[in-house]
Amino acid sequence: MPAITNKGHSGSINDLTSSAMTTAQKKADDATEALGGGMRSLAGTLREKAPMGGTMGQMASTAATTLDRTGRYLQEEGLSGMTDDVMHMVRKHPLPALAIALGAGFFLAQLCSSGRR
């Protein structure tokens, strides 16, 4: 009895998987770029509408600058660039990265368990 193989279909399955991954990555990068554009637009609106002086003006200016920088980063780097940057930071500083991961995990566990009570 001949063995049943999937050789004829494995190429097409791999192609479909690769195509789906490429499409998902493109959509994620597009969404990240759109988010960056929205942040930069919000920064411009904040600069226009905020008071020019005083503590509130200074706080608004700082927030607008931060929004603009973050928006530019998101537009230029996209999701794949952010992933590369995070991986680089984890490799460069593994212990702080582990501490942050543990803290985030603890926070999420507390958040999830508080909803069950």
Protein backbone atom coordinates (compact mmCIF):
# COMPACT_ATOMS: atom_id res chain seq x y z
CA MET A 1 0.00 0.00 0.00
CA PRO A 2 1.52 3.40 -0.97
CA ALA A 3 2.17 5.99 1.71
CA ILE A 4 -0.04 9.05 1.69
CA THR A 5 1.97 12.24 1.42
CA ASN A 6 1.18 15.91 1.35
CA LYS A 7 4.09 16.89 -0.87
CA GLY A 8 1.87 18.42 -3.52
CA HIS A 9 0.01 20.55 -1.03
CA SER A 10 2.81 21.57 1.30
CA GLY A 11 4.12 24.17 -1.11
CA SER A 12 0.74 25.79 -1.52
CA ILE A 13 0.11 25.71 2.26
CA ASN A 14 3.48 27.36 2.87
CA ASP A 15 2.69 29.95 0.21
CA LEU A 16 -0.70 30.70 1.79
CA THR A 17 0.84 30.96 5.25
CA SER A 18 3.60 33.24 4.00
CA SER A 19 1.09 35.38 2.13
CA ALA A 20 -1.15 35.66 5.21
CA MET A 21 1.83 36.63 7.39
CA THR A 22 2.93 39.27 4.88
CA THR A 23 -0.60 40.66 4.68
CA ALA A 24 -0.93 40.76 8.48
CA GLN A 25 2.44 42.48 8.85
CA LYS A 26 1.51 45.05 6.20
CA LYS A 27 -1.79 45.77 7.95
CA ALA A 28 -0.06 46.10 11.31
CA ASP A 29 2.55 48.46 9.85
CA ASP A 30 -0.21 50.51 8.17
CA ALA A 31 -2.14 50.73 11.44
CA THR A 32 1.01 51.74 13.32
CA GLU A 33 1.75 54.41 10.72
CA ALA A 34 -1.82 55.72 10.94
CA LEU A 35 -1.58 55.82 14.74
CA GLY A 36 1.65 57.82 14.42
CA GLY A 37 -0.04 60.26 12.06
CA GLY A 38 -2.92 60.67 14.47
CA MET A 39 -0.54 61.36 17.33
CA ARG A 40 1.29 63.99 15.31
CA SER A 41 -2.00 65.59 14.34
CA LEU A 42 -3.07 65.67 17.98
CA ALA A 43 0.27 67.28 18.86
CA GLY A 44 -0.41 70.04 16.32
CA THR A 45 -3.91 70.61 17.68
CA LEU A 46 -2.58 70.74 21.22
CA ARG A 47 0.02 73.35 20.22
CA GLU A 48 -2.67 75.47 18.53
CA LYS A 49 -5.23 75.33 21.34
CA ALA A 50 -3.01 75.34 24.44
CA PRO A 51 -2.22 78.49 26.38
CA MET A 52 1.06 80.12 25.40
CA GLY A 53 2.52 80.70 28.84
CA GLY A 54 2.42 79.54 32.39
CA THR A 55 2.47 76.08 33.84
CA MET A 56 -0.40 74.82 31.67
CA GLY A 57 1.28 76.11 28.54
CA GLN A 58 4.56 74.44 29.47
CA MET A 59 2.82 71.14 30.24
CA ALA A 60 0.90 71.29 26.95
CA SER A 61 4.08 72.05 25.04
CA THR A 62 5.88 69.11 26.64
CA ALA A 63 2.95 66.79 25.89
CA ALA A 64 2.79 68.01 22.28
CA THR A 65 6.52 67.46 21.80
CA THR A 66 6.27 63.95 23.22
CA LEU A 67 3.26 63.14 21.02
CA ASP A 68 5.06 64.48 17.96
CA ARG A 69 8.26 62.51 18.63
CA THR A 70 6.35 59.31 19.36
CA GLY A 71 4.18 59.76 16.28
CA ARG A 72 7.22 60.33 14.09
CA TYR A 73 8.88 57.22 15.53
CA LEU A 74 5.78 55.12 14.83
CA GLN A 75 5.55 56.43 11.28
CA GLU A 76 9.22 55.91 10.50
CA GLU A 77 9.86 52.59 12.26
CA GLY A 78 6.52 50.81 12.08
CA LEU A 79 5.73 47.73 14.10
CA SER A 80 8.69 45.73 12.79
CA GLY A 81 11.11 48.51 13.75
CA MET A 82 9.60 48.70 17.22
CA THR A 83 10.01 44.94 17.60
CA ASP A 84 13.66 45.19 16.58
CA ASP A 85 14.24 48.02 19.06
CA VAL A 86 12.63 46.08 21.91
CA MET A 87 14.69 42.97 21.11
CA HIS A 88 17.86 45.08 21.06
CA MET A 89 17.03 46.62 24.45
CA VAL A 90 16.25 43.22 25.99
CA ARG A 91 19.58 41.85 24.76
CA LYS A 92 21.43 44.91 26.00
CA HIS A 93 19.67 45.05 29.41
CA PRO A 94 18.29 41.57 30.20
CA LEU A 95 17.78 41.96 33.96
CA PRO A 96 15.73 45.18 33.82
CA ALA A 97 13.74 43.66 30.93
CA LEU A 98 13.02 40.59 33.04
CA ALA A 99 11.97 42.77 35.98
CA ILE A 100 9.61 44.74 33.72
CA ALA A 101 8.16 41.53 32.28
CA LEU A 102 7.59 40.11 35.75
CA GLY A 103 6.00 43.34 36.93
CA ALA A 104 3.72 43.48 33.89
CA GLY A 105 2.76 39.83 34.41
CA PHE A 106 1.97 40.46 38.07
CA PHE A 107 -0.10 43.52 37.16
CA LEU A 108 -2.06 41.59 34.52
CA ALA A 109 -2.64 38.71 36.94
CA GLN A 110 -3.97 41.14 39.55
CA LEU A 111 -6.16 42.81 36.96
CA CYS A 112 -7.59 39.50 35.75
CA SER A 113 -8.15 38.10 39.22
CA SER A 114 -9.88 41.26 40.46
CA GLY A 115 -12.53 40.82 37.78
CA ARG A 116 -13.40 37.35 39.10
CA ARG A 117 -14.14 38.49 42.66
